[in-house]
Every structure is written in structure tokens, then in C-alpha cells.
Amino acid sequence: MGYTITDTQRVNVSGSNGALLSSDENRNRWLEVSVRTGSYELDNTHKVGTRQEQRGGPGTPAPIDDDTEVLRRAIWLETDKQYRAAAEALIKSRRARK
């Protein structure tokens, strides 16, 4: 399993002739979970037929507040989702080999 959380904060400020015209602040947190199931010889990342199985997704938004329990739950839910997808991909890989 692999986990990546990317937390970004952007501030845009616009001005003209010494006057502030606008300012905007934006914060995002993005969670990516990677799960592999199986063995070194055959896991969920192997090709099925002529196509490569999808491995998880590009990620999901994560809560930006710093509440540990809320963030822990988001990580758990995404891990469960990616594990189920990996297990299904492994089953397809095993069927394709037979």
C-alpha cells in the first residue's frame, strides 16, 4: 500500500497603480491510495489479455480541516475502495491466465 496526501495553498493577489484590486486564497488537500494484491509472480497490476487493468483512480479530495478522526476516516474509506478494486483486478488476472 502507498499513500500520498498533497496539501496546497494558493493565494492570488491583483493590483494596479499601487491599489489592491482583488485577492483570493484557496486551499486543497488531495489523497491518493495505491494498493497491490497478489504475489510477486501475479498481482492486480498484470495485463488481462491485451489491455492493462485500471489501477485505482487518480485520487480523491480529502478533508482540509486538521481533525485527525475525519482525515483517518477518509483515508480508511479510500483504502477500502482501492483494495476492493485491486482484489477484483487480481481475480480477472487469474481468470485470464487459466
N, C-alpha and C. Protein backbone atom coordinates (compact mmCIF):
# COMPACT_ATOMS: atom_id res chain seq x y z
N MET A 1 0.84 -1.17 0.00
CA MET A 1 0.00 0.00 0.00
C MET A 1 0.88 1.24 0.00
N GLY A 2 0.38 2.24 -0.68
CA GLY A 2 1.09 3.51 -0.70
C GLY A 2 0.09 4.65 -0.53
N TYR A 3 0.49 5.64 0.20
CA TYR A 3 -0.38 6.78 0.48
C TYR A 3 0.35 8.08 0.15
N THR A 4 -0.37 8.98 -0.50
CA THR A 4 0.14 10.32 -0.76
C THR A 4 -0.96 11.32 -0.46
N ILE A 5 -0.66 12.29 0.38
CA ILE A 5 -1.58 13.39 0.61
C ILE A 5 -0.86 14.66 0.19
N THR A 6 -1.48 15.38 -0.74
CA THR A 6 -0.91 16.63 -1.22
C THR A 6 -1.78 17.77 -0.71
N ASP A 7 -1.17 18.67 0.02
CA ASP A 7 -1.87 19.82 0.59
C ASP A 7 -1.32 21.07 -0.08
N THR A 8 -2.19 21.79 -0.79
CA THR A 8 -1.74 23.00 -1.48
C THR A 8 -2.53 24.21 -1.00
N GLN A 9 -1.85 25.32 -0.97
CA GLN A 9 -2.50 26.58 -0.62
C GLN A 9 -2.03 27.61 -1.63
N ARG A 10 -2.99 28.27 -2.27
CA ARG A 10 -2.68 29.27 -3.29
C ARG A 10 -3.30 30.61 -2.90
N VAL A 11 -2.54 31.64 -3.18
CA VAL A 11 -3.02 33.00 -2.94
C VAL A 11 -2.81 33.78 -4.22
N ASN A 12 -3.86 34.40 -4.72
CA ASN A 12 -3.79 35.26 -5.90
C ASN A 12 -4.07 36.69 -5.46
N VAL A 13 -3.16 37.57 -5.82
CA VAL A 13 -3.31 38.98 -5.48
C VAL A 13 -3.14 39.77 -6.77
N SER A 14 -4.05 40.71 -6.99
CA SER A 14 -4.00 41.55 -8.19
C SER A 14 -4.07 43.01 -7.78
N GLY A 15 -3.23 43.81 -8.40
CA GLY A 15 -3.21 45.23 -8.08
C GLY A 15 -2.89 46.07 -9.30
N SER A 16 -3.15 47.35 -9.19
CA SER A 16 -2.85 48.29 -10.27
C SER A 16 -2.59 49.66 -9.68
N ASN A 17 -1.51 50.29 -10.11
CA ASN A 17 -1.14 51.63 -9.64
C ASN A 17 -1.11 51.74 -8.12
N GLY A 18 -0.62 50.69 -7.46
CA GLY A 18 -0.50 50.71 -6.02
C GLY A 18 -1.76 50.38 -5.25
N ALA A 19 -2.86 50.08 -5.96
CA ALA A 19 -4.12 49.74 -5.29
C ALA A 19 -4.41 48.25 -5.42
N LEU A 20 -4.89 47.66 -4.36
CA LEU A 20 -5.28 46.25 -4.38
C LEU A 20 -6.62 46.13 -5.09
N LEU A 21 -6.65 45.33 -6.17
CA LEU A 21 -7.88 45.12 -6.91
C LEU A 21 -8.64 43.89 -6.42
N SER A 22 -7.89 42.83 -6.15
CA SER A 22 -8.54 41.62 -5.65
C SER A 22 -7.52 40.72 -4.99
N SER A 23 -8.00 39.88 -4.12
CA SER A 23 -7.17 38.85 -3.51
C SER A 23 -8.05 37.65 -3.24
N ASP A 24 -7.45 36.49 -3.38
CA ASP A 24 -8.20 35.25 -3.23
C ASP A 24 -7.26 34.20 -2.65
N GLU A 25 -7.78 33.39 -1.74
CA GLU A 25 -6.99 32.32 -1.13
C GLU A 25 -7.75 31.01 -1.30
N ASN A 26 -7.02 29.95 -1.67
CA ASN A 26 -7.64 28.65 -1.91
C ASN A 26 -6.73 27.57 -1.33
N ARG A 27 -7.33 26.62 -0.64
CA ARG A 27 -6.57 25.50 -0.07
C ARG A 27 -7.23 24.20 -0.48
N ASN A 28 -6.41 23.24 -0.92
CA ASN A 28 -6.90 21.91 -1.32
C ASN A 28 -6.04 20.84 -0.66
N ARG A 29 -6.66 19.70 -0.44
CA ARG A 29 -5.94 18.53 0.04
C ARG A 29 -6.40 17.35 -0.80
N TRP A 30 -5.45 16.61 -1.38
CA TRP A 30 -5.75 15.52 -2.29
C TRP A 30 -5.13 14.24 -1.77
N LEU A 31 -5.92 13.15 -1.75
CA LEU A 31 -5.48 11.86 -1.23
C LEU A 31 -5.38 10.85 -2.37
N GLU A 32 -4.23 10.19 -2.46
CA GLU A 32 -4.04 9.12 -3.43
C GLU A 32 -3.61 7.86 -2.68
N VAL A 33 -4.32 6.75 -2.94
CA VAL A 33 -4.02 5.48 -2.30
C VAL A 33 -3.73 4.45 -3.38
N SER A 34 -2.65 3.74 -3.23
CA SER A 34 -2.27 2.69 -4.17
C SER A 34 -2.21 1.36 -3.42
N VAL A 35 -2.94 0.35 -3.91
CA VAL A 35 -2.98 -0.95 -3.26
C VAL A 35 -2.66 -2.03 -4.28
N ARG A 36 -1.78 -2.94 -3.92
CA ARG A 36 -1.49 -4.10 -4.77
C ARG A 36 -1.84 -5.35 -3.99
N THR A 37 -2.49 -6.29 -4.67
CA THR A 37 -2.83 -7.57 -4.06
C THR A 37 -2.25 -8.69 -4.90
N GLY A 38 -2.01 -9.83 -4.30
CA GLY A 38 -1.47 -10.97 -5.02
C GLY A 38 -0.07 -11.28 -4.56
N SER A 39 0.74 -11.78 -5.51
CA SER A 39 2.12 -12.15 -5.21
C SER A 39 3.06 -11.46 -6.20
N TYR A 40 4.36 -11.69 -6.03
CA TYR A 40 5.32 -11.10 -6.96
C TYR A 40 5.10 -11.65 -8.37
N GLU A 41 4.72 -12.91 -8.48
CA GLU A 41 4.52 -13.54 -9.78
C GLU A 41 3.25 -13.05 -10.48
N LEU A 42 2.20 -12.82 -9.71
CA LEU A 42 0.93 -12.40 -10.29
C LEU A 42 0.21 -11.49 -9.29
N ASP A 43 0.05 -10.24 -9.66
CA ASP A 43 -0.71 -9.33 -8.81
C ASP A 43 -1.71 -8.56 -9.66
N ASN A 44 -2.43 -7.66 -9.05
CA ASN A 44 -3.52 -6.96 -9.72
C ASN A 44 -3.03 -5.98 -10.79
N THR A 45 -1.73 -5.77 -10.92
CA THR A 45 -1.23 -4.82 -11.92
C THR A 45 -0.89 -5.48 -13.25
N HIS A 46 -1.01 -6.81 -13.35
CA HIS A 46 -0.68 -7.51 -14.59
C HIS A 46 -1.76 -7.29 -15.64
N LYS A 47 -1.34 -7.40 -16.89
CA LYS A 47 -2.26 -7.22 -18.01
C LYS A 47 -3.27 -8.36 -18.06
N VAL A 48 -4.48 -8.01 -18.49
CA VAL A 48 -5.53 -9.00 -18.73
C VAL A 48 -5.76 -9.00 -20.24
N GLY A 49 -5.34 -10.07 -20.90
CA GLY A 49 -5.46 -10.10 -22.36
C GLY A 49 -4.51 -9.08 -22.97
N THR A 50 -5.06 -8.17 -23.75
CA THR A 50 -4.23 -7.17 -24.42
C THR A 50 -4.29 -5.81 -23.74
N ARG A 51 -5.05 -5.71 -22.66
CA ARG A 51 -5.17 -4.40 -22.02
C ARG A 51 -4.71 -4.45 -20.56
N GLN A 52 -4.24 -3.32 -20.10
CA GLN A 52 -3.81 -3.18 -18.71
C GLN A 52 -5.02 -2.84 -17.86
N GLU A 53 -5.18 -3.54 -16.75
CA GLU A 53 -6.29 -3.24 -15.84
C GLU A 53 -6.08 -1.88 -15.21
N GLN A 54 -7.17 -1.18 -14.98
CA GLN A 54 -7.10 0.10 -14.28
C GLN A 54 -6.67 -0.14 -12.85
N ARG A 55 -5.77 0.69 -12.38
CA ARG A 55 -5.30 0.57 -11.00
C ARG A 55 -5.80 1.77 -10.23
N GLY A 56 -6.86 1.54 -9.50
CA GLY A 56 -7.36 2.61 -8.66
C GLY A 56 -7.83 3.80 -9.46
N GLY A 57 -7.70 4.94 -8.90
CA GLY A 57 -8.11 6.15 -9.56
C GLY A 57 -7.08 7.23 -9.37
N PRO A 58 -7.34 8.40 -9.89
CA PRO A 58 -6.38 9.47 -9.75
C PRO A 58 -6.33 10.07 -8.34
N GLY A 59 -7.23 9.68 -7.51
CA GLY A 59 -7.27 10.21 -6.15
C GLY A 59 -8.63 10.79 -5.83
N THR A 60 -8.71 11.35 -4.66
CA THR A 60 -9.97 11.90 -4.20
C THR A 60 -9.69 13.11 -3.30
N PRO A 61 -10.58 14.07 -3.28
CA PRO A 61 -10.38 15.19 -2.35
C PRO A 61 -10.40 14.69 -0.90
N ALA A 62 -9.57 15.27 -0.08
CA ALA A 62 -9.51 14.91 1.34
C ALA A 62 -9.94 16.13 2.17
N PRO A 63 -10.44 15.88 3.38
CA PRO A 63 -10.84 16.99 4.23
C PRO A 63 -9.67 17.93 4.51
N ILE A 64 -9.93 19.23 4.47
CA ILE A 64 -8.84 20.18 4.70
C ILE A 64 -8.72 20.62 6.15
N ASP A 65 -9.74 20.32 6.96
CA ASP A 65 -9.58 20.64 8.38
C ASP A 65 -8.60 19.64 8.99
N ASP A 66 -8.01 19.99 10.07
CA ASP A 66 -6.97 19.15 10.66
C ASP A 66 -7.51 18.22 11.75
N ASP A 67 -8.76 17.83 11.63
CA ASP A 67 -9.36 16.87 12.56
C ASP A 67 -8.85 15.48 12.21
N THR A 68 -8.06 14.89 13.11
CA THR A 68 -7.44 13.60 12.86
C THR A 68 -8.44 12.51 12.56
N GLU A 69 -9.54 12.46 13.28
CA GLU A 69 -10.54 11.40 13.08
C GLU A 69 -11.21 11.51 11.71
N VAL A 70 -11.50 12.72 11.27
CA VAL A 70 -12.13 12.92 9.96
C VAL A 70 -11.17 12.50 8.86
N LEU A 71 -9.93 12.89 8.97
CA LEU A 71 -8.93 12.52 7.97
C LEU A 71 -8.67 11.01 7.98
N ARG A 72 -8.62 10.42 9.16
CA ARG A 72 -8.42 8.98 9.27
C ARG A 72 -9.55 8.21 8.59
N ARG A 73 -10.78 8.68 8.77
CA ARG A 73 -11.92 8.02 8.13
C ARG A 73 -11.85 8.13 6.61
N ALA A 74 -11.48 9.30 6.10
CA ALA A 74 -11.35 9.49 4.65
C ALA A 74 -10.28 8.55 4.08
N ILE A 75 -9.17 8.41 4.79
CA ILE A 75 -8.10 7.51 4.35
C ILE A 75 -8.59 6.07 4.37
N TRP A 76 -9.29 5.68 5.43
CA TRP A 76 -9.81 4.32 5.53
C TRP A 76 -10.79 4.01 4.39
N LEU A 77 -11.71 4.93 4.12
CA LEU A 77 -12.70 4.70 3.05
C LEU A 77 -12.03 4.57 1.69
N GLU A 78 -11.04 5.40 1.41
CA GLU A 78 -10.34 5.31 0.12
C GLU A 78 -9.49 4.05 0.04
N THR A 79 -8.88 3.64 1.15
CA THR A 79 -8.12 2.39 1.18
C THR A 79 -9.03 1.21 0.89
N ASP A 80 -10.20 1.17 1.52
CA ASP A 80 -11.16 0.09 1.29
C ASP A 80 -11.59 0.05 -0.17
N LYS A 81 -11.88 1.20 -0.74
CA LYS A 81 -12.30 1.29 -2.14
C LYS A 81 -11.21 0.77 -3.07
N GLN A 82 -9.96 1.19 -2.83
CA GLN A 82 -8.85 0.77 -3.69
C GLN A 82 -8.51 -0.71 -3.48
N TYR A 83 -8.66 -1.22 -2.26
CA TYR A 83 -8.42 -2.64 -2.02
C TYR A 83 -9.43 -3.50 -2.77
N ARG A 84 -10.70 -3.10 -2.72
CA ARG A 84 -11.72 -3.86 -3.44
C ARG A 84 -11.47 -3.85 -4.94
N ALA A 85 -11.06 -2.72 -5.48
CA ALA A 85 -10.74 -2.63 -6.92
C ALA A 85 -9.53 -3.51 -7.25
N ALA A 86 -8.52 -3.51 -6.38
CA ALA A 86 -7.34 -4.33 -6.61
C ALA A 86 -7.67 -5.81 -6.53
N ALA A 87 -8.51 -6.21 -5.58
CA ALA A 87 -8.90 -7.61 -5.45
C ALA A 87 -9.67 -8.07 -6.69
N GLU A 88 -10.56 -7.24 -7.20
CA GLU A 88 -11.31 -7.56 -8.42
C GLU A 88 -10.37 -7.69 -9.62
N ALA A 89 -9.40 -6.80 -9.72
CA ALA A 89 -8.43 -6.87 -10.82
C ALA A 89 -7.59 -8.14 -10.72
N LEU A 90 -7.25 -8.56 -9.51
CA LEU A 90 -6.48 -9.79 -9.33
C LEU A 90 -7.30 -11.00 -9.78
N ILE A 91 -8.57 -11.02 -9.44
CA ILE A 91 -9.44 -12.12 -9.88
C ILE A 91 -9.48 -12.18 -11.40
N LYS A 92 -9.61 -11.04 -12.05
CA LYS A 92 -9.63 -11.00 -13.53
C LYS A 92 -8.30 -11.48 -14.10
N SER A 93 -7.19 -11.11 -13.47
CA SER A 93 -5.88 -11.55 -13.94
C SER A 93 -5.73 -13.06 -13.82
N ARG A 94 -6.20 -13.60 -12.72
CA ARG A 94 -6.14 -15.07 -12.52
C ARG A 94 -7.01 -15.80 -13.52
N ARG A 95 -8.20 -15.29 -13.78
CA ARG A 95 -9.08 -15.92 -14.79
C ARG A 95 -8.45 -15.87 -16.16
N ALA A 96 -7.83 -14.78 -16.50
CA ALA A 96 -7.21 -14.62 -17.83
C ALA A 96 -6.04 -15.58 -18.01
N ARG A 97 -5.38 -15.92 -16.95
CA ARG A 97 -4.24 -16.84 -17.03
C ARG A 97 -4.67 -18.28 -17.25
N LYS A 98 -5.88 -18.62 -16.82
CA LYS A 98 -6.36 -20.02 -16.94
C LYS A 98 -6.78 -20.36 -18.32
